[in-house]
Protein backbone atom coordinates (compact mmCIF):
# COMPACT_ATOMS: atom_id res chain seq x y z
CA MET A 1 30.13 -44.80 27.21
CA ILE A 2 33.56 -43.28 27.79
CA TYR A 3 32.65 -40.55 25.28
CA TYR A 4 29.66 -39.52 27.39
CA ALA A 5 31.79 -39.64 30.53
CA LEU A 6 34.16 -37.16 28.90
CA VAL A 7 31.24 -34.96 27.81
CA PHE A 8 29.91 -34.81 31.39
CA LEU A 9 33.43 -34.14 32.67
CA VAL A 10 33.75 -31.14 30.34
CA VAL A 11 30.29 -29.93 31.42
CA ALA A 12 31.38 -30.26 35.06
CA LEU A 13 34.57 -28.31 34.45
CA ILE A 14 32.79 -25.51 32.59
CA ALA A 15 30.04 -25.33 35.23
CA GLY A 16 32.67 -25.24 37.98
CA VAL A 17 34.56 -22.39 36.32
CA LEU A 18 31.31 -20.45 35.90
CA GLY A 19 30.39 -20.96 39.57
CA PHE A 20 27.54 -23.45 39.20
CA SER A 21 28.77 -25.82 41.89
CA GLY A 22 25.57 -27.89 42.07
CA ILE A 23 25.55 -28.61 38.34
CA ALA A 24 29.31 -29.21 38.40
CA GLY A 25 29.02 -31.78 41.20
CA THR A 26 26.13 -33.60 39.54
CA ALA A 27 27.88 -33.69 36.16
CA ALA A 28 31.09 -34.93 37.79
CA ASN A 29 29.20 -37.75 39.54
CA ILE A 30 27.50 -38.78 36.29
CA ALA A 31 30.87 -38.69 34.50
CA TRP A 32 32.40 -40.92 37.18
CA ILE A 33 29.54 -43.45 37.01
CA LEU A 34 29.68 -43.62 33.20
CA PHE A 35 33.46 -44.02 33.31
CA VAL A 36 33.29 -46.91 35.79
CA VAL A 37 30.49 -48.68 33.88
CA GLY A 38 32.38 -48.24 30.59
CA LEU A 39 35.58 -49.56 32.15
CA VAL A 40 33.81 -52.63 33.58
CA LEU A 41 32.17 -53.38 30.21
CA ALA A 42 35.51 -52.97 28.43
CA VAL A 43 37.16 -55.45 30.80
CA VAL A 44 34.29 -57.94 30.43
CA PHE A 45 34.40 -57.79 26.61
CA PHE A 46 38.19 -58.05 26.64
CA VAL A 47 38.22 -61.12 28.89
CA ARG A 48 35.24 -62.88 27.34
CA GLY A 49 35.81 -61.93 23.73
CA ARG A 50 33.07 -61.16 21.26
CA GLY A 51 33.16 -63.74 18.40
CA SER A 52 30.58 -66.48 18.59
CA SER A 53 29.98 -65.99 22.29
CA ILE A 54 27.27 -63.50 21.42
CA TYR A 55 25.34 -66.28 19.68
CA LEU A 56 26.09 -68.81 22.41
CA MET A 57 25.41 -66.52 25.37
CA ALA A 58 24.61 -69.28 27.85
CA GLY A 59 27.26 -71.62 26.45
CA GLN A 60 24.77 -73.35 24.18
CA GLY A 61 22.35 -72.54 21.40
CA ARG A 62 20.61 -74.01 18.36
CA CYS A 63 22.42 -75.18 15.25
CA SER A 64 22.24 -72.62 12.43
CA HIS A 65 21.54 -75.26 9.77
CA LEU A 66 18.00 -74.92 8.46
CA GLY A 67 15.88 -77.76 9.84
CA CYS A 68 18.43 -78.99 12.38
CA SER A 69 17.10 -79.33 15.91
CA CYS A 70 20.44 -80.03 17.61
CA THR A 71 21.70 -78.05 20.57
CA VAL A 72 25.20 -76.68 20.04
CA GLN A 73 27.57 -76.75 23.00
CA GLU A 74 30.12 -73.93 22.83
CA PRO A 75 33.30 -76.05 23.06
CA HIS A 76 32.03 -78.41 20.32
CA ALA A 77 30.58 -75.80 17.95
CA VAL A 78 31.73 -75.61 14.35
CA LEU A 79 31.98 -71.91 13.57
CA GLN A 80 31.56 -70.72 10.00
CA ASN A 81 30.73 -67.19 8.79
CA GLY A 82 29.83 -66.08 12.30
CA LYS A 83 27.31 -68.89 12.81
CA ALA A 84 27.52 -71.94 15.05
CA TYR A 85 26.76 -75.43 13.76
CA CYS A 86 26.53 -78.78 15.54
CA SER A 87 28.75 -80.62 13.02
CA ASP A 88 30.85 -80.21 9.89
CA GLY A 89 27.98 -81.70 7.89
CA CYS A 90 25.55 -78.99 8.98
CA ALA A 91 28.17 -76.31 8.31
CA ALA A 92 28.54 -77.69 4.76
CA GLY A 93 24.74 -77.76 4.30
CA GLN A 94 24.50 -81.57 4.22
CA GLY A 95 22.98 -82.11 7.65
CA CYS A 96 24.29 -84.01 10.62
CA ALA A 97 24.31 -87.65 11.58
CA HIS A 98 23.17 -87.20 15.18
CA GLY A 99 20.74 -89.89 16.27
CA ALA A 100 17.80 -87.75 17.36
CA CYS A 101 18.03 -85.31 14.45
CA SER A 102 16.81 -86.07 10.95
CA CYS A 103 18.19 -83.01 9.15
CA GLY A 104 20.79 -85.18 7.39
CA GLN A 105 18.07 -87.43 5.99
CA ARG A 106 16.02 -84.40 4.90
CA ALA A 107 19.07 -82.85 3.21
CA ALA A 108 19.83 -86.12 1.36
CA THR A 109 16.17 -86.43 0.26
CA SER A 110 16.03 -82.84 -1.02
CA ILE A 111 19.30 -83.32 -2.94
CA ARG A 112 18.01 -86.52 -4.58
CA SER A 113 14.65 -84.95 -5.50
CA ASP A 114 16.28 -81.99 -7.31
């Protein structure tokens, strides 16, 4: 975004030197808008961070373990390889022990049947 702001700034300067004041003014306004938007986005990403927050945009999401139906709350998430899990068991591929979820029982059954 800042790159394009600089491109429009250069276009505005060249157009101004050549006497194209209308093009120069428009390019300068576009450069200013792109600069402000880029600056705001940079501040937001700096303050919020990027890590797992992309996965948990609203502060919660689904567990990444196959077959798990748990909702992962951001402060309680177990992060592994860029994915969010509801428990250490799901992160290890063994399933969780949460009451409403049966992924731990399914994982134990599939291990025994192998």
